[in-house]
Amino acid sequence: MTTQATPQPSAPPRRDAPPVVTFEGVGKSYGSVRAVSDLSLELHPGETVALLGPNGAGKSSTLDLLLGLRNPDTGSVTVFGTTPRRAIETGRVGAMLQSGALMDGVKVRELVQLACSLHPKAHPVEEVLATAGITDIADRLVDKLSGGQEQRVRFAVATAGAVDLVVLDEPTTGMDVTARQTFWGTMKDQARSGRTVLFATHYLEEADAIADRVIVLHRGKVLADGTASEIKARAGARRIVFDLAGDIDRDRLGTLPALVSLEVSGRTVRIQSSDADATVHAVYGAGLYPRNLEVSGLGLEQAFIALTDAATAQEAAR
C-alpha cells in the first residue's frame, strides 16, 4: 500500500519583521495618463501575493516601479529598506517579466550559466535547470523553444541565485495545464523556504489556489486587499443556479429581489444576488419550480468582476 505525503504549508508571513517592499504615496503618470495614483502598500517576508486588476489598472507600472525600471513621480518605493535598484544589485530580488526577448543564438544551458555567473549568490547551474524543469531542453537553442518553455527559462534566470523576493509577471502565459501545475508546485516550494513571492496574473483560479494574499488594483489604486476568501466576501453577492422546465420568462426573472445579474442559457438560470435567501424565496413565491438548485459564494473571478464593475459604476456616477 502506498501513502500520499501531506502537502507542507507555506512559511507564515512574518508581520513582526521589517517589510520587504513598501510603496508610500506613489504616483506615476505617462503624459496625461495616470498609471499609478497615491499607491501605498507593504509586502511582508514569507507572503505569496497575487496582484490582480483589469487592463490599465496599473499592474505593470507597479512592477516596473518595484524593480527600479521606472522612477515614481511622487512618493517612494523601498525594497529591503533600500532603493529597488540597490536591492537587485545585491542579489535579493529575482524577476520574471512577461515582456523582453531572450537572447538568440545560445543554448538554454549557456543562458542559465550566464545568469548564474552574474548573480552575487548564485546556485549551481544544474540545480537551477532542475528547479525550473528545463534539464531536458538544456542543450536546445533558446530561439527554438515554445512559449511555455521560454517562460520556464525566464523563471530559471530569475532564480539563478538565492533571492529573497521573486517577482513574476504573468508567469504561466503560454504554458499548458501540466506545465502550469508543475510551475506552481515549484513556486510553492519557493514560498515554503520563506521567500516572498509576488505575481501578476490573468488566471484568477491560480490566484485563488496559490496566493495567501490578493491585492486588486483599479485605476492605479488599491481597490481590495486581503485573502481570497475576504475578497470574495467583500463582493457580497451569492451565486444561484437552477434549471426551469417550460418557457422561461426572462422579464419575470428580472423582477426578483436583490438581483445583481441574470443570465439565462437554455433551461439554466444563473443569478448573482445580494440576498440569496430573499431571491430564492421569491423564485418559489412566483410559482416557479427550480430544479437542481445550487447556492454558493462567488468564485474569485466573479468577485473580481463584481468589485471592479462596482468601482467603475461609482466613478461614472460622480
C-alpha atoms as a PDB file:
ATOM      1  CA  MET A   1       0.000   0.000   0.000  1.00  0.00           C
ATOM      2  CA  THR A   2       1.275   3.447  -0.872  1.00  0.00           C
ATOM      3  CA  THR A   3       0.684   6.583   1.134  1.00  0.00           C
ATOM      4  CA  GLN A   4       0.487  10.108  -0.179  1.00  0.00           C
ATOM      5  CA  ALA A   5       2.568  12.746   1.509  1.00  0.00           C
ATOM      6  CA  THR A   6       0.667  15.532   3.182  1.00  0.00           C
ATOM      7  CA  PRO A   7       1.392  18.873   1.458  1.00  0.00           C
ATOM      8  CA  GLN A   8       3.524  21.133   3.591  1.00  0.00           C
ATOM      9  CA  PRO A   9       2.130  24.626   4.225  1.00  0.00           C
ATOM     10  CA  SER A  10       3.931  27.772   3.165  1.00  0.00           C
ATOM     11  CA  ALA A  11       6.002  29.568   5.753  1.00  0.00           C
ATOM     12  CA  PRO A  12       3.664  32.004   7.546  1.00  0.00           C
ATOM     13  CA  PRO A  13       4.163  35.684   6.693  1.00  0.00           C
ATOM     14  CA  ARG A  14       6.329  37.452   9.259  1.00  0.00           C
ATOM     15  CA  ARG A  15       4.476  40.632  10.186  1.00  0.00           C
ATOM     16  CA  ASP A  16       6.918  41.300  13.041  1.00  0.00           C
ATOM     17  CA  ALA A  17       9.841  41.699  10.619  1.00  0.00           C
ATOM     18  CA  PRO A  18      10.541  44.828   8.523  1.00  0.00           C
ATOM     19  CA  PRO A  19       8.517  44.864   5.283  1.00  0.00           C
ATOM     20  CA  VAL A  20      10.134  43.502   2.140  1.00  0.00           C
ATOM     21  CA  VAL A  21       8.524  46.147  -0.090  1.00  0.00           C
ATOM     22  CA  THR A  22       6.993  49.498   0.810  1.00  0.00           C
ATOM     23  CA  PHE A  23       5.052  51.806  -1.518  1.00  0.00           C
ATOM     24  CA  GLU A  24       4.266  55.106   0.171  1.00  0.00           C
ATOM     25  CA  GLY A  25       2.010  57.564  -1.639  1.00  0.00           C
ATOM     26  CA  VAL A  26       3.406  56.535  -5.019  1.00  0.00           C
ATOM     27  CA  GLY A  27       2.208  58.219  -8.201  1.00  0.00           C
ATOM     28  CA  LYS A  28       3.281  57.672 -11.803  1.00  0.00           C
ATOM     29  CA  SER A  29       1.975  59.282 -14.988  1.00  0.00           C
ATOM     30  CA  TYR A  30       2.755  58.878 -18.667  1.00  0.00           C
ATOM     31  CA  GLY A  31       1.744  62.148 -20.240  1.00  0.00           C
ATOM     32  CA  SER A  32      -1.915  62.681 -19.388  1.00  0.00           C
ATOM     33  CA  VAL A  33      -2.403  59.041 -18.309  1.00  0.00           C
ATOM     34  CA  ARG A  34      -2.272  58.450 -14.558  1.00  0.00           C
ATOM     35  CA  ALA A  35      -0.998  54.856 -14.279  1.00  0.00           C
ATOM     36  CA  VAL A  36      -0.430  54.772 -10.503  1.00  0.00           C
ATOM     37  CA  SER A  37      -2.216  57.099  -8.096  1.00  0.00           C
ATOM     38  CA  ASP A  38      -1.247  57.603  -4.435  1.00  0.00           C
ATOM     39  CA  LEU A  39      -0.428  53.899  -4.049  1.00  0.00           C
ATOM     40  CA  SER A  40       0.512  52.729  -0.557  1.00  0.00           C
ATOM     41  CA  LEU A  41       1.096  49.086   0.367  1.00  0.00           C
ATOM     42  CA  GLU A  42       3.558  46.754   2.070  1.00  0.00           C
ATOM     43  CA  LEU A  43       4.706  43.199   1.310  1.00  0.00           C
ATOM     44  CA  HIS A  44       5.966  41.084   4.196  1.00  0.00           C
ATOM     45  CA  PRO A  45       8.504  38.245   4.453  1.00  0.00           C
ATOM     46  CA  GLY A  46       7.047  34.852   3.534  1.00  0.00           C
ATOM     47  CA  GLU A  47       3.950  36.151   1.749  1.00  0.00           C
ATOM     48  CA  THR A  48       2.702  34.823  -1.572  1.00  0.00           C
ATOM     49  CA  VAL A  49       0.815  37.750  -3.086  1.00  0.00           C
ATOM     50  CA  ALA A  50      -1.295  37.875  -6.255  1.00  0.00           C
ATOM     51  CA  LEU A  51      -1.584  41.252  -7.979  1.00  0.00           C
ATOM     52  CA  LEU A  52      -4.839  41.482  -9.923  1.00  0.00           C
ATOM     53  CA  GLY A  53      -6.552  44.142 -11.951  1.00  0.00           C
ATOM     54  CA  PRO A  54      -8.178  44.755 -15.332  1.00  0.00           C
ATOM     55  CA  ASN A  55      -6.109  46.037 -18.252  1.00  0.00           C
ATOM     56  CA  GLY A  56      -4.943  49.546 -17.457  1.00  0.00           C
ATOM     57  CA  ALA A  57      -5.234  49.048 -13.692  1.00  0.00           C
ATOM     58  CA  GLY A  58      -1.546  49.806 -13.139  1.00  0.00           C
ATOM     59  CA  LYS A  59      -0.155  46.306 -12.541  1.00  0.00           C
ATOM     60  CA  SER A  60       2.753  46.569 -14.988  1.00  0.00           C
ATOM     61  CA  SER A  61       3.619  50.087 -13.851  1.00  0.00           C
ATOM     62  CA  THR A  62       3.601  48.931 -10.235  1.00  0.00           C
ATOM     63  CA  LEU A  63       6.000  46.098 -11.041  1.00  0.00           C
ATOM     64  CA  ASP A  64       8.230  48.459 -13.046  1.00  0.00           C
ATOM     65  CA  LEU A  65       8.433  50.801 -10.062  1.00  0.00           C
ATOM     66  CA  LEU A  66       9.163  47.938  -7.678  1.00  0.00           C
ATOM     67  CA  LEU A  67      12.018  46.736  -9.899  1.00  0.00           C
ATOM     68  CA  GLY A  68      13.510  50.189 -10.437  1.00  0.00           C
ATOM     69  CA  LEU A  69      12.732  50.153 -14.144  1.00  0.00           C
ATOM     70  CA  ARG A  70      10.776  53.379 -13.645  1.00  0.00           C
ATOM     71  CA  ASN A  71      11.041  56.111 -11.037  1.00  0.00           C
ATOM     72  CA  PRO A  72       7.932  57.416  -9.261  1.00  0.00           C
ATOM     73  CA  ASP A  73       6.779  60.967  -9.910  1.00  0.00           C
ATOM     74  CA  THR A  74       5.631  61.231  -6.299  1.00  0.00           C
ATOM     75  CA  GLY A  75       6.090  59.143  -3.172  1.00  0.00           C
ATOM     76  CA  SER A  76       8.728  56.489  -2.563  1.00  0.00           C
ATOM     77  CA  VAL A  77       9.400  52.804  -3.177  1.00  0.00           C
ATOM     78  CA  THR A  78      11.771  50.842  -0.946  1.00  0.00           C
ATOM     79  CA  VAL A  79      12.796  47.191  -1.225  1.00  0.00           C
ATOM     80  CA  PHE A  80      14.513  45.610   1.784  1.00  0.00           C
ATOM     81  CA  GLY A  81      14.911  49.095   3.216  1.00  0.00           C
ATOM     82  CA  THR A  82      16.819  50.473   0.254  1.00  0.00           C
ATOM     83  CA  THR A  83      16.212  51.511  -3.347  1.00  0.00           C
ATOM     84  CA  PRO A  84      14.856  48.904  -5.765  1.00  0.00           C
ATOM     85  CA  ARG A  85      17.993  49.030  -7.906  1.00  0.00           C
ATOM     86  CA  ARG A  86      20.271  48.550  -4.902  1.00  0.00           C
ATOM     87  CA  ALA A  87      18.224  45.561  -3.731  1.00  0.00           C
ATOM     88  CA  ILE A  88      18.555  43.992  -7.182  1.00  0.00           C
ATOM     89  CA  GLU A  89      22.284  44.723  -7.389  1.00  0.00           C
ATOM     90  CA  THR A  90      22.849  42.863  -4.121  1.00  0.00           C
ATOM     91  CA  GLY A  91      21.016  39.806  -5.467  1.00  0.00           C
ATOM     92  CA  ARG A  92      17.984  39.897  -3.202  1.00  0.00           C
ATOM     93  CA  VAL A  93      15.373  40.165  -5.989  1.00  0.00           C
ATOM     94  CA  GLY A  94      14.647  37.859  -8.906  1.00  0.00           C
ATOM     95  CA  ALA A  95      12.259  38.974 -11.637  1.00  0.00           C
ATOM     96  CA  MET A  96      10.458  37.135 -14.411  1.00  0.00           C
ATOM     97  CA  LEU A  97       8.902  39.657 -16.765  1.00  0.00           C
ATOM     98  CA  GLN A  98       6.387  38.945 -19.499  1.00  0.00           C
ATOM     99  CA  SER A  99       7.980  41.363 -21.941  1.00  0.00           C
ATOM    100  CA  GLY A 100      11.512  41.264 -23.292  1.00  0.00           C
ATOM    101  CA  ALA A 101      13.046  38.704 -25.624  1.00  0.00           C
ATOM    102  CA  LEU A 102      15.531  36.053 -24.543  1.00  0.00           C
ATOM    103  CA  MET A 103      18.994  36.000 -26.077  1.00  0.00           C
ATOM    104  CA  ASP A 104      19.001  34.318 -29.505  1.00  0.00           C
ATOM    105  CA  GLY A 105      21.688  32.010 -30.838  1.00  0.00           C
ATOM    106  CA  VAL A 106      22.615  30.473 -27.471  1.00  0.00           C
ATOM    107  CA  LYS A 107      21.636  27.259 -25.778  1.00  0.00           C
ATOM    108  CA  VAL A 108      19.450  27.167 -22.691  1.00  0.00           C
ATOM    109  CA  ARG A 109      22.318  25.938 -20.527  1.00  0.00           C
ATOM    110  CA  GLU A 110      24.583  28.738 -21.761  1.00  0.00           C
ATOM    111  CA  LEU A 111      21.991  31.380 -20.905  1.00  0.00           C
ATOM    112  CA  VAL A 112      21.466  29.940 -17.431  1.00  0.00           C
ATOM    113  CA  GLN A 113      25.237  29.744 -16.927  1.00  0.00           C
ATOM    114  CA  LEU A 114      25.479  33.423 -17.803  1.00  0.00           C
ATOM    115  CA  ALA A 115      22.724  34.316 -15.320  1.00  0.00           C
ATOM    116  CA  CYS A 116      24.446  32.316 -12.591  1.00  0.00           C
ATOM    117  CA  SER A 117      27.841  33.900 -13.336  1.00  0.00           C
ATOM    118  CA  LEU A 118      26.343  37.373 -12.898  1.00  0.00           C
ATOM    119  CA  HIS A 119      24.479  36.645  -9.650  1.00  0.00           C
ATOM    120  CA  PRO A 120      26.270  37.512  -6.384  1.00  0.00           C
ATOM    121  CA  LYS A 121      24.709  34.482  -4.619  1.00  0.00           C
ATOM    122  CA  ALA A 122      24.455  32.011  -7.491  1.00  0.00           C
ATOM    123  CA  HIS A 123      23.062  28.489  -7.314  1.00  0.00           C
ATOM    124  CA  PRO A 124      24.783  25.645  -9.226  1.00  0.00           C
ATOM    125  CA  VAL A 125      23.713  25.652 -12.865  1.00  0.00           C
ATOM    126  CA  GLU A 126      22.378  22.075 -12.807  1.00  0.00           C
ATOM    127  CA  GLU A 127      20.304  22.880  -9.729  1.00  0.00           C
ATOM    128  CA  VAL A 128      18.746  25.906 -11.449  1.00  0.00           C
ATOM    129  CA  LEU A 129      17.937  23.850 -14.554  1.00  0.00           C
ATOM    130  CA  ALA A 130      16.333  21.107 -12.454  1.00  0.00           C
ATOM    131  CA  THR A 131      14.292  23.501 -10.313  1.00  0.00           C
ATOM    132  CA  ALA A 132      12.886  25.197 -13.421  1.00  0.00           C
ATOM    133  CA  GLY A 133      12.170  21.829 -15.046  1.00  0.00           C
ATOM    134  CA  ILE A 134      14.303  22.532 -18.117  1.00  0.00           C
ATOM    135  CA  THR A 135      17.113  19.988 -17.789  1.00  0.00           C
ATOM    136  CA  ASP A 136      15.701  18.058 -20.748  1.00  0.00           C
ATOM    137  CA  ILE A 137      15.930  21.124 -23.016  1.00  0.00           C
ATOM    138  CA  ALA A 138      19.231  22.465 -21.676  1.00  0.00           C
ATOM    139  CA  ASP A 139      21.065  21.850 -24.973  1.00  0.00           C
ATOM    140  CA  ARG A 140      18.354  23.332 -27.164  1.00  0.00           C
ATOM    141  CA  LEU A 141      18.713  26.761 -28.758  1.00  0.00           C
ATOM    142  CA  VAL A 142      16.695  29.401 -26.943  1.00  0.00           C
ATOM    143  CA  ASP A 143      15.116  30.685 -30.168  1.00  0.00           C
ATOM    144  CA  LYS A 144      13.749  27.184 -30.909  1.00  0.00           C
ATOM    145  CA  LEU A 145      11.629  26.946 -27.766  1.00  0.00           C
ATOM    146  CA  SER A 146       7.858  27.035 -27.379  1.00  0.00           C
ATOM    147  CA  GLY A 147       6.206  29.869 -25.471  1.00  0.00           C
ATOM    148  CA  GLY A 148       5.782  27.753 -22.353  1.00  0.00           C
ATOM    149  CA  GLN A 149       9.411  26.606 -22.477  1.00  0.00           C
ATOM    150  CA  GLU A 150      10.553  30.214 -22.819  1.00  0.00           C
ATOM    151  CA  GLN A 151       8.615  31.079 -19.673  1.00  0.00           C
ATOM    152  CA  ARG A 152      10.374  28.318 -17.734  1.00  0.00           C
ATOM    153  CA  VAL A 153      13.740  29.604 -18.959  1.00  0.00           C
ATOM    154  CA  ARG A 154      12.793  33.097 -17.770  1.00  0.00           C
ATOM    155  CA  PHE A 155      11.979  31.594 -14.388  1.00  0.00           C
ATOM    156  CA  ALA A 156      15.388  29.892 -14.285  1.00  0.00           C
ATOM    157  CA  VAL A 157      17.115  33.204 -14.995  1.00  0.00           C
ATOM    158  CA  ALA A 158      15.025  34.903 -12.286  1.00  0.00           C
ATOM    159  CA  THR A 159      16.014  32.314  -9.676  1.00  0.00           C
ATOM    160  CA  ALA A 160      19.650  31.772 -10.686  1.00  0.00           C
ATOM    161  CA  GLY A 161      20.691  32.830  -7.185  1.00  0.00           C
ATOM    162  CA  ALA A 162      19.470  32.826  -3.589  1.00  0.00           C
ATOM    163  CA  VAL A 163      16.931  35.649  -3.851  1.00  0.00           C
ATOM    164  CA  ASP A 164      14.579  36.729  -1.062  1.00  0.00           C
ATOM    165  CA  LEU A 165      11.864  38.214  -3.289  1.00  0.00           C
ATOM    166  CA  VAL A 166      10.576  36.665  -6.525  1.00  0.00           C
ATOM    167  CA  VAL A 167       8.542  38.936  -8.834  1.00  0.00           C
ATOM    168  CA  LEU A 168       6.565  37.255 -11.621  1.00  0.00           C
ATOM    169  CA  ASP A 169       4.593  38.987 -14.377  1.00  0.00           C
ATOM    170  CA  GLU A 170       2.036  36.648 -15.998  1.00  0.00           C
ATOM    171  CA  PRO A 171       4.388  33.696 -15.374  1.00  0.00           C
ATOM    172  CA  THR A 172       2.296  30.878 -16.879  1.00  0.00           C
ATOM    173  CA  THR A 173       1.343  32.560 -20.162  1.00  0.00           C
ATOM    174  CA  GLY A 174       1.884  30.046 -22.953  1.00  0.00           C
ATOM    175  CA  MET A 175       2.132  27.027 -20.631  1.00  0.00           C
ATOM    176  CA  ASP A 176      -0.181  24.067 -20.966  1.00  0.00           C
ATOM    177  CA  VAL A 177      -2.134  22.781 -17.966  1.00  0.00           C
ATOM    178  CA  THR A 178       0.526  20.257 -16.923  1.00  0.00           C
ATOM    179  CA  ALA A 179       3.342  22.804 -17.166  1.00  0.00           C
ATOM    180  CA  ARG A 180       1.305  25.309 -15.149  1.00  0.00           C
ATOM    181  CA  GLN A 181       0.717  22.783 -12.375  1.00  0.00           C
ATOM    182  CA  THR A 182       4.406  21.891 -12.295  1.00  0.00           C
ATOM    183  CA  PHE A 183       5.396  25.559 -12.237  1.00  0.00           C
ATOM    184  CA  TRP A 184       3.144  26.374  -9.292  1.00  0.00           C
ATOM    185  CA  GLY A 185       4.411  23.319  -7.452  1.00  0.00           C
ATOM    186  CA  THR A 186       7.869  24.846  -7.771  1.00  0.00           C
ATOM    187  CA  MET A 187       6.593  28.206  -6.571  1.00  0.00           C
ATOM    188  CA  LYS A 188       5.037  26.597  -3.504  1.00  0.00           C
ATOM    189  CA  ASP A 189       8.472  25.198  -2.712  1.00  0.00           C
ATOM    190  CA  GLN A 190       9.878  28.716  -3.026  1.00  0.00           C
ATOM    191  CA  ALA A 191       7.261  30.011  -0.578  1.00  0.00           C
ATOM    192  CA  ARG A 192       7.899  27.195   1.907  1.00  0.00           C
ATOM    193  CA  SER A 193      11.541  28.240   2.034  1.00  0.00           C
ATOM    194  CA  GLY A 194      10.455  31.657   3.342  1.00  0.00           C
ATOM    195  CA  ARG A 195      10.791  33.688   0.159  1.00  0.00           C
ATOM    196  CA  THR A 196       8.290  36.415  -0.641  1.00  0.00           C
ATOM    197  CA  VAL A 197       6.533  35.796  -3.960  1.00  0.00           C
ATOM    198  CA  LEU A 198       4.628  38.488  -5.859  1.00  0.00           C
ATOM    199  CA  PHE A 199       2.890  37.552  -9.106  1.00  0.00           C
ATOM    200  CA  ALA A 200       0.580  39.334 -11.509  1.00  0.00           C
ATOM    201  CA  THR A 201      -1.794  37.066 -13.408  1.00  0.00           C
ATOM    202  CA  HIS A 202      -4.937  36.984 -15.536  1.00  0.00           C
ATOM    203  CA  TYR A 203      -5.566  33.379 -14.409  1.00  0.00           C
ATOM    204  CA  LEU A 204      -7.690  34.126 -11.369  1.00  0.00           C
ATOM    205  CA  GLU A 205      -8.020  30.467 -10.448  1.00  0.00           C
ATOM    206  CA  GLU A 206      -4.249  30.491  -9.921  1.00  0.00           C
ATOM    207  CA  ALA A 207      -4.521  33.436  -7.559  1.00  0.00           C
ATOM    208  CA  ASP A 208      -7.306  31.674  -5.680  1.00  0.00           C
ATOM    209  CA  ALA A 209      -5.318  28.453  -5.319  1.00  0.00           C
ATOM    210  CA  ILE A 210      -1.799  29.812  -4.735  1.00  0.00           C
ATOM    211  CA  ALA A 211      -1.869  33.220  -3.064  1.00  0.00           C
ATOM    212  CA  ASP A 212      -2.313  33.767   0.665  1.00  0.00           C
ATOM    213  CA  ARG A 213      -2.992  37.442  -0.092  1.00  0.00           C
ATOM    214  CA  VAL A 214      -4.693  39.120  -3.053  1.00  0.00           C
ATOM    215  CA  ILE A 215      -4.305  42.788  -3.996  1.00  0.00           C
ATOM    216  CA  VAL A 216      -6.777  44.151  -6.558  1.00  0.00           C
ATOM    217  CA  LEU A 217      -5.752  47.333  -8.368  1.00  0.00           C
ATOM    218  CA  HIS A 218      -8.171  49.663 -10.135  1.00  0.00           C
ATOM    219  CA  ARG A 219      -7.022  52.813 -11.919  1.00  0.00           C
ATOM    220  CA  GLY A 220      -3.690  52.736 -10.121  1.00  0.00           C
ATOM    221  CA  LYS A 221      -5.147  52.411  -6.616  1.00  0.00           C
ATOM    222  CA  VAL A 222      -5.729  49.512  -4.239  1.00  0.00           C
ATOM    223  CA  LEU A 223      -9.374  48.512  -4.583  1.00  0.00           C
ATOM    224  CA  ALA A 224      -9.194  45.438  -2.322  1.00  0.00           C
ATOM    225  CA  ASP A 225      -6.507  43.780  -0.218  1.00  0.00           C
ATOM    226  CA  GLY A 226      -6.946  40.546   1.731  1.00  0.00           C
ATOM    227  CA  THR A 227      -7.142  36.782   1.447  1.00  0.00           C
ATOM    228  CA  ALA A 228      -9.036  35.299  -1.479  1.00  0.00           C
ATOM    229  CA  SER A 229     -11.871  34.434   0.918  1.00  0.00           C
ATOM    230  CA  GLU A 230     -12.026  38.017   2.177  1.00  0.00           C
ATOM    231  CA  ILE A 231     -12.111  39.367  -1.378  1.00  0.00           C
ATOM    232  CA  LYS A 232     -14.992  37.031  -2.222  1.00  0.00           C
ATOM    233  CA  ALA A 233     -16.870  38.051   0.926  1.00  0.00           C
ATOM    234  CA  ARG A 234     -16.368  41.734   0.182  1.00  0.00           C
ATOM    235  CA  ALA A 235     -18.050  41.319  -3.208  1.00  0.00           C
ATOM    236  CA  GLY A 236     -21.163  40.474  -1.173  1.00  0.00           C
ATOM    237  CA  ALA A 237     -23.177  38.646  -3.806  1.00  0.00           C
ATOM    238  CA  ARG A 238     -24.027  34.946  -3.845  1.00  0.00           C
ATOM    239  CA  ARG A 239     -24.378  32.724  -6.904  1.00  0.00           C
ATOM    240  CA  ILE A 240     -27.683  30.931  -7.555  1.00  0.00           C
ATOM    241  CA  VAL A 241     -28.020  28.348 -10.338  1.00  0.00           C
ATOM    242  CA  PHE A 242     -31.095  26.300 -11.233  1.00  0.00           C
ATOM    243  CA  ASP A 243     -32.970  24.737 -14.156  1.00  0.00           C
ATOM    244  CA  LEU A 244     -36.534  25.548 -15.197  1.00  0.00           C
ATOM    245  CA  ALA A 245     -38.909  23.492 -17.297  1.00  0.00           C
ATOM    246  CA  GLY A 246     -41.083  25.055 -19.988  1.00  0.00           C
ATOM    247  CA  ASP A 247     -40.812  28.573 -21.361  1.00  0.00           C
ATOM    248  CA  ILE A 248     -38.576  30.891 -19.341  1.00  0.00           C
ATOM    249  CA  ASP A 249     -39.910  34.402 -18.758  1.00  0.00           C
ATOM    250  CA  ARG A 250     -36.720  36.479 -18.546  1.00  0.00           C
ATOM    251  CA  ASP A 251     -38.669  39.665 -17.716  1.00  0.00           C
ATOM    252  CA  ARG A 252     -40.313  37.909 -14.795  1.00  0.00           C
ATOM    253  CA  LEU A 253     -36.968  36.703 -13.509  1.00  0.00           C
ATOM    254  CA  GLY A 254     -35.662  40.240 -13.844  1.00  0.00           C
ATOM    255  CA  THR A 255     -38.083  41.416 -11.139  1.00  0.00           C
ATOM    256  CA  LEU A 256     -36.644  39.099  -8.471  1.00  0.00           C
ATOM    257  CA  PRO A 257     -35.413  40.965  -5.378  1.00  0.00           C
ATOM    258  CA  ALA A 258     -31.701  41.548  -4.617  1.00  0.00           C
ATOM    259  CA  LEU A 259     -30.778  40.750  -8.223  1.00  0.00           C
ATOM    260  CA  VAL A 260     -27.231  41.766  -9.185  1.00  0.00           C
ATOM    261  CA  SER A 261     -27.007  39.943 -12.508  1.00  0.00           C
ATOM    262  CA  LEU A 262     -29.069  37.472 -14.506  1.00  0.00           C
ATOM    263  CA  GLU A 263     -28.003  35.027 -17.208  1.00  0.00           C
ATOM    264  CA  VAL A 264     -30.237  32.509 -18.984  1.00  0.00           C
ATOM    265  CA  SER A 265     -28.641  29.753 -21.050  1.00  0.00           C
ATOM    266  CA  GLY A 266     -31.092  27.222 -22.460  1.00  0.00           C
ATOM    267  CA  ARG A 267     -33.003  25.887 -19.441  1.00  0.00           C
ATOM    268  CA  THR A 268     -30.357  27.016 -16.937  1.00  0.00           C
ATOM    269  CA  VAL A 269     -30.677  30.244 -14.962  1.00  0.00           C
ATOM    270  CA  ARG A 270     -27.629  31.804 -13.334  1.00  0.00           C
ATOM    271  CA  ILE A 271     -28.136  34.643 -10.880  1.00  0.00           C
ATOM    272  CA  GLN A 272     -25.912  36.796  -8.705  1.00  0.00           C
ATOM    273  CA  SER A 273     -27.843  38.060  -5.694  1.00  0.00           C
ATOM    274  CA  SER A 274     -27.034  40.367  -2.795  1.00  0.00           C
ATOM    275  CA  ASP A 275     -29.557  38.426  -0.647  1.00  0.00           C
ATOM    276  CA  ALA A 276     -29.752  34.807  -1.767  1.00  0.00           C
ATOM    277  CA  ASP A 277     -32.449  33.875   0.770  1.00  0.00           C
ATOM    278  CA  ALA A 278     -34.785  36.616  -0.478  1.00  0.00           C
ATOM    279  CA  THR A 279     -34.154  35.749  -4.113  1.00  0.00           C
ATOM    280  CA  VAL A 280     -34.754  32.015  -3.691  1.00  0.00           C
ATOM    281  CA  HIS A 281     -37.886  32.674  -1.614  1.00  0.00           C
ATOM    282  CA  ALA A 282     -39.208  34.928  -4.387  1.00  0.00           C
ATOM    283  CA  VAL A 283     -38.489  32.286  -7.035  1.00  0.00           C
ATOM    284  CA  TYR A 284     -40.817  29.854  -5.259  1.00  0.00           C
ATOM    285  CA  GLY A 285     -43.277  32.644  -4.459  1.00  0.00           C
ATOM    286  CA  ALA A 286     -43.562  33.436  -8.160  1.00  0.00           C
ATOM    287  CA  GLY A 287     -44.785  29.915  -8.802  1.00  0.00           C
ATOM    288  CA  LEU A 288     -41.537  28.790 -10.359  1.00  0.00           C
ATOM    289  CA  TYR A 289     -40.232  25.342  -9.508  1.00  0.00           C
ATOM    290  CA  PRO A 290     -36.438  25.313  -9.815  1.00  0.00           C
ATOM    291  CA  ARG A 291     -34.650  22.030 -10.266  1.00  0.00           C
ATOM    292  CA  ASN A 292     -31.035  21.267  -9.368  1.00  0.00           C
ATOM    293  CA  LEU A 293     -30.916  24.426  -7.231  1.00  0.00           C
ATOM    294  CA  GLU A 294     -27.437  25.457  -6.085  1.00  0.00           C
ATOM    295  CA  VAL A 295     -26.486  28.441  -3.925  1.00  0.00           C
ATOM    296  CA  SER A 296     -22.812  29.224  -3.432  1.00  0.00           C
ATOM    297  CA  GLY A 297     -20.380  32.031  -2.805  1.00  0.00           C
ATOM    298  CA  LEU A 298     -18.800  33.785  -5.744  1.00  0.00           C
ATOM    299  CA  GLY A 299     -15.549  32.449  -7.091  1.00  0.00           C
ATOM    300  CA  LEU A 300     -12.606  34.849  -7.097  1.00  0.00           C
ATOM    301  CA  GLU A 301     -13.184  35.649 -10.771  1.00  0.00           C
ATOM    302  CA  GLN A 302     -16.823  36.612 -10.222  1.00  0.00           C
ATOM    303  CA  ALA A 303     -15.900  38.599  -7.100  1.00  0.00           C
ATOM    304  CA  PHE A 304     -13.150  40.404  -9.011  1.00  0.00           C
ATOM    305  CA  ILE A 305     -15.573  41.357 -11.793  1.00  0.00           C
ATOM    306  CA  ALA A 306     -18.223  42.486  -9.280  1.00  0.00           C
ATOM    307  CA  LEU A 307     -15.758  44.709  -7.400  1.00  0.00           C
ATOM    308  CA  THR A 308     -14.215  46.324 -10.483  1.00  0.00           C
ATOM    309  CA  ASP A 309     -17.612  46.836 -12.160  1.00  0.00           C
ATOM    310  CA  ALA A 310     -18.937  48.492  -8.996  1.00  0.00           C
ATOM    311  CA  ALA A 311     -15.911  50.774  -8.801  1.00  0.00           C
ATOM    312  CA  THR A 312     -16.310  51.770 -12.464  1.00  0.00           C
ATOM    313  CA  ALA A 313     -20.014  52.481 -11.950  1.00  0.00           C
ATOM    314  CA  GLN A 314     -19.287  54.670  -8.914  1.00  0.00           C
ATOM    315  CA  GLU A 315     -16.746  56.685 -10.895  1.00  0.00           C
ATOM    316  CA  ALA A 316     -19.191  57.153 -13.775  1.00  0.00           C
ATOM    317  CA  ALA A 317     -21.858  58.395 -11.357  1.00  0.00           C
ATOM    318  CA  ARG A 318     -19.650  61.178  -9.976  1.00  0.00           C
END
